C-alpha atoms as a PDB file:
ATOM      1  CA  MET A   1      10.544  -8.211  -4.883  1.00  0.00           C
ATOM      2  CA  ARG A   2      14.209  -7.624  -5.541  1.00  0.00           C
ATOM      3  CA  ALA A   3      14.105  -9.999  -8.532  1.00  0.00           C
ATOM      4  CA  ALA A   4      10.961  -8.367  -9.939  1.00  0.00           C
ATOM      5  CA  LEU A   5      12.366  -4.846  -9.712  1.00  0.00           C
ATOM      6  CA  ASN A   6      15.766  -5.864 -11.074  1.00  0.00           C
ATOM      7  CA  GLY A   7      14.073  -7.743 -13.904  1.00  0.00           C
ATOM      8  CA  HIS A   8      12.265  -4.584 -14.955  1.00  0.00           C
ATOM      9  CA  GLY A   9      15.329  -2.355 -14.615  1.00  0.00           C
ATOM     10  CA  MET A  10      13.942  -0.619 -11.537  1.00  0.00           C
ATOM     11  CA  ALA A  11      16.610  -1.363  -8.918  1.00  0.00           C
ATOM     12  CA  GLY A  12      16.723   2.368  -8.142  1.00  0.00           C
ATOM     13  CA  VAL A  13      13.366   2.241  -6.332  1.00  0.00           C
ATOM     14  CA  LEU A  14      14.067  -0.991  -4.447  1.00  0.00           C
ATOM     15  CA  ASP A  15      14.611   0.592  -1.019  1.00  0.00           C
ATOM     16  CA  VAL A  16      11.392   2.613  -1.201  1.00  0.00           C
ATOM     17  CA  VAL A  17       9.338  -0.314  -2.491  1.00  0.00           C
ATOM     18  CA  GLU A  18      10.688  -2.649   0.202  1.00  0.00           C
ATOM     19  CA  LEU A  19       9.933  -0.136   2.964  1.00  0.00           C
ATOM     20  CA  LEU A  20       6.415   0.684   1.803  1.00  0.00           C
ATOM     21  CA  THR A  21       5.553  -2.936   1.059  1.00  0.00           C
ATOM     22  CA  SER A  22       6.753  -3.904   4.519  1.00  0.00           C
ATOM     23  CA  GLU A  23       4.424  -1.298   6.026  1.00  0.00           C
ATOM     24  CA  LEU A  24       1.363  -2.503   4.114  1.00  0.00           C
ATOM     25  CA  VAL A  25       2.025  -6.195   4.730  1.00  0.00           C
ATOM     26  CA  THR A  26       2.680  -5.563   8.436  1.00  0.00           C
ATOM     27  CA  ASN A  27      -0.589  -3.646   8.747  1.00  0.00           C
ATOM     28  CA  ALA A  28      -2.467  -6.475   7.029  1.00  0.00           C
ATOM     29  CA  TYR A  29      -0.899  -8.945   9.448  1.00  0.00           C
ATOM     30  CA  LEU A  30      -1.618  -6.827  12.537  1.00  0.00           C
ATOM     31  CA  HIS A  31      -5.109  -5.567  11.737  1.00  0.00           C
ATOM     32  CA  ALA A  32      -6.814  -8.183   9.562  1.00  0.00           C
ATOM     33  CA  ASN A  33      -7.946 -11.386  11.149  1.00  0.00           C
ATOM     34  CA  GLY A  34      -7.577 -13.619   8.146  1.00  0.00           C
ATOM     35  CA  PRO A  35      -5.711 -14.153   4.908  1.00  0.00           C
ATOM     36  CA  ALA A  36      -3.792 -11.539   2.948  1.00  0.00           C
ATOM     37  CA  SER A  37      -1.983 -11.444  -0.383  1.00  0.00           C
ATOM     38  CA  LEU A  38       0.599  -9.350  -2.182  1.00  0.00           C
ATOM     39  CA  ARG A  39       0.706  -8.484  -5.883  1.00  0.00           C
ATOM     40  CA  LEU A  40       3.554  -6.775  -7.740  1.00  0.00           C
ATOM     41  CA  THR A  41       2.872  -5.252 -11.154  1.00  0.00           C
ATOM     42  CA  ALA A  42       5.235  -3.543 -13.590  1.00  0.00           C
ATOM     43  CA  LEU A  43       3.058  -0.939 -15.326  1.00  0.00           C
ATOM     44  CA  GLY A  44       5.510   0.191 -17.987  1.00  0.00           C
ATOM     45  CA  GLU A  45       7.126   3.586 -18.447  1.00  0.00           C
ATOM     46  CA  GLY A  46       9.192   3.016 -15.304  1.00  0.00           C
ATOM     47  CA  ARG A  47       6.193   2.586 -12.970  1.00  0.00           C
ATOM     48  CA  PHE A  48       5.706  -0.231 -10.481  1.00  0.00           C
ATOM     49  CA  ARG A  49       2.588  -1.001  -8.421  1.00  0.00           C
ATOM     50  CA  VAL A  50       2.373  -2.938  -5.169  1.00  0.00           C
ATOM     51  CA  ALA A  51      -1.060  -4.048  -3.968  1.00  0.00           C
ATOM     52  CA  VAL A  52      -1.922  -5.747  -0.679  1.00  0.00           C
ATOM     53  CA  TRP A  53      -5.280  -7.407  -0.155  1.00  0.00           C
ATOM     54  CA  ASP A  54      -6.557  -8.394   3.266  1.00  0.00           C
ATOM     55  CA  SER A  55      -9.848  -9.562   4.708  1.00  0.00           C
ATOM     56  CA  HIS A  56     -10.634  -6.448   6.793  1.00  0.00           C
ATOM     57  CA  PRO A  57     -12.864  -3.901   4.981  1.00  0.00           C
ATOM     58  CA  TYR A  58     -11.648  -0.727   6.783  1.00  0.00           C
ATOM     59  CA  ILE A  59      -9.602   1.590   4.560  1.00  0.00           C
ATOM     60  CA  PRO A  60      -7.204   3.745   6.623  1.00  0.00           C
ATOM     61  CA  ALA A  61      -5.978   7.245   5.780  1.00  0.00           C
ATOM     62  CA  PRO A  62      -4.294   8.229   3.536  1.00  0.00           C
ATOM     63  CA  PHE A  63      -5.888   5.553   1.319  1.00  0.00           C
ATOM     64  CA  ALA A  64      -9.426   6.602   2.263  1.00  0.00           C
ATOM     65  CA  LYS A  65      -8.771  10.228   1.284  1.00  0.00           C
ATOM     66  CA  PRO A  66      -8.284  11.852  -2.129  1.00  0.00           C
ATOM     67  CA  PRO A  67      -4.597  11.702  -3.183  1.00  0.00           C
ATOM     68  CA  GLY A  68      -4.037  15.394  -2.447  1.00  0.00           C
ATOM     69  CA  ASP A  69      -5.192  15.128   1.173  1.00  0.00           C
ATOM     70  CA  ARG A  70      -2.430  14.600   3.713  1.00  0.00           C
ATOM     71  CA  VAL A  71      -2.458  12.877   7.074  1.00  0.00           C
ATOM     72  CA  PRO A  72      -0.113  13.908   9.883  1.00  0.00           C
ATOM     73  CA  PRO A  73       2.719  11.625  10.988  1.00  0.00           C
ATOM     74  CA  GLY A  74       2.323   9.603  14.159  1.00  0.00           C
ATOM     75  CA  SER A  75       3.628  11.105  17.366  1.00  0.00           C
ATOM     76  CA  ALA A  76       7.350  10.693  18.074  1.00  0.00           C
ATOM     77  CA  GLY A  77       6.815   8.605  21.211  1.00  0.00           C
ATOM     78  CA  ALA A  78       4.231   6.230  19.717  1.00  0.00           C
ATOM     79  CA  GLY A  79       5.177   2.640  18.946  1.00  0.00           C
ATOM     80  CA  GLY A  80       3.436   2.841  15.564  1.00  0.00           C
ATOM     81  CA  GLY A  81       1.372   5.089  13.348  1.00  0.00           C
ATOM     82  CA  ARG A  82       4.068   6.226  10.941  1.00  0.00           C
ATOM     83  CA  GLY A  83       3.860   3.560   8.246  1.00  0.00           C
ATOM     84  CA  LEU A  84       0.999   4.956   6.211  1.00  0.00           C
ATOM     85  CA  PHE A  85       2.502   8.430   6.533  1.00  0.00           C
ATOM     86  CA  LEU A  86       5.614   6.976   4.844  1.00  0.00           C
ATOM     87  CA  VAL A  87       3.458   5.720   1.976  1.00  0.00           C
ATOM     88  CA  GLN A  88       2.094   9.196   1.304  1.00  0.00           C
ATOM     89  CA  GLU A  89       5.576  10.696   1.538  1.00  0.00           C
ATOM     90  CA  PHE A  90       7.458   8.285  -0.720  1.00  0.00           C
ATOM     91  CA  ALA A  91       4.922   6.772  -3.145  1.00  0.00           C
ATOM     92  CA  ASP A  92       4.030   8.635  -6.317  1.00  0.00           C
ATOM     93  CA  SER A  93       0.378   7.660  -5.856  1.00  0.00           C
ATOM     94  CA  TRP A  94      -1.724   5.385  -3.681  1.00  0.00           C
ATOM     95  CA  GLY A  95      -5.287   4.266  -3.240  1.00  0.00           C
ATOM     96  CA  GLY A  96      -7.605   1.769  -1.677  1.00  0.00           C
ATOM     97  CA  TRP A  97     -10.839  -0.023  -2.468  1.00  0.00           C
ATOM     98  CA  SER A  98     -13.228  -1.655  -0.063  1.00  0.00           C
ATOM     99  CA  LEU A  99     -14.305  -4.992  -1.440  1.00  0.00           C
ATOM    100  CA  GLY A 100     -17.144  -5.373   1.021  1.00  0.00           C
ATOM    101  CA  GLY A 101     -17.475  -6.581   4.554  1.00  0.00           C
ATOM    102  CA  GLY A 102     -21.170  -6.855   5.286  1.00  0.00           C
ATOM    103  CA  LEU A 103     -23.141  -9.986   6.065  1.00  0.00           C
ATOM    104  CA  LEU A 104     -23.557 -10.919   2.410  1.00  0.00           C
ATOM    105  CA  ASP A 105     -19.995 -10.051   1.405  1.00  0.00           C
ATOM    106  CA  ARG A 106     -18.419 -12.624   3.728  1.00  0.00           C
ATOM    107  CA  GLY A 107     -15.441 -10.411   4.540  1.00  0.00           C
ATOM    108  CA  ALA A 108     -14.204  -9.642   1.035  1.00  0.00           C
ATOM    109  CA  GLY A 109     -11.899  -7.060   2.628  1.00  0.00           C
ATOM    110  CA  LYS A 110      -9.936  -4.321   0.921  1.00  0.00           C
ATOM    111  CA  LEU A 111      -7.130  -3.706  -1.519  1.00  0.00           C
ATOM    112  CA  LEU A 112      -4.509  -1.039  -0.756  1.00  0.00           C
ATOM    113  CA  TRP A 113      -1.956  -0.101  -3.401  1.00  0.00           C
ATOM    114  CA  PHE A 114       0.842   2.328  -4.147  1.00  0.00           C
ATOM    115  CA  GLU A 115       2.900   3.185  -7.199  1.00  0.00           C
ATOM    116  CA  VAL A 116       6.495   4.360  -7.537  1.00  0.00           C
ATOM    117  CA  GLY A 117       8.731   5.273 -10.419  1.00  0.00           C
ATOM    118  CA  GLY A 118       7.356   8.292 -12.156  1.00  0.00           C
ATOM    119  CA  ARG A 119       4.175  10.158 -12.657  1.00  0.00           C
ATOM    120  CA  ALA A 120       1.522   7.591 -11.801  1.00  0.00           C
ATOM    121  CA  ALA A 121      -2.031   7.777 -13.018  1.00  0.00           C
ATOM    122  CA  VAL A 122      -4.658   7.478 -10.300  1.00  0.00           C
END
């Protein structure tokens, strides 16, 4: 990730991208019972997109809500529940798509993404 961001002149967003990517990848690892993948995309005009696919079809908030809707942070004493709140606080935009999960879909899963580095188009 560091090499990709540096290669596109976006070292200034490295800390945010590393944090948010860590949250999405960790959630995929903890909640999906199967494979996952990560995709990094430089979109031009100083924007960078991170997408994480996993085999579980459930789309959590804030990804399941319109971009203007907000979810509350996790409680202070909880061992988790703050990662997706961080995405909505630090990403310029985010979204998610269910790729199916019914009997015929064979667990196609979901794709969650976020963008940083400027005014992102949803």
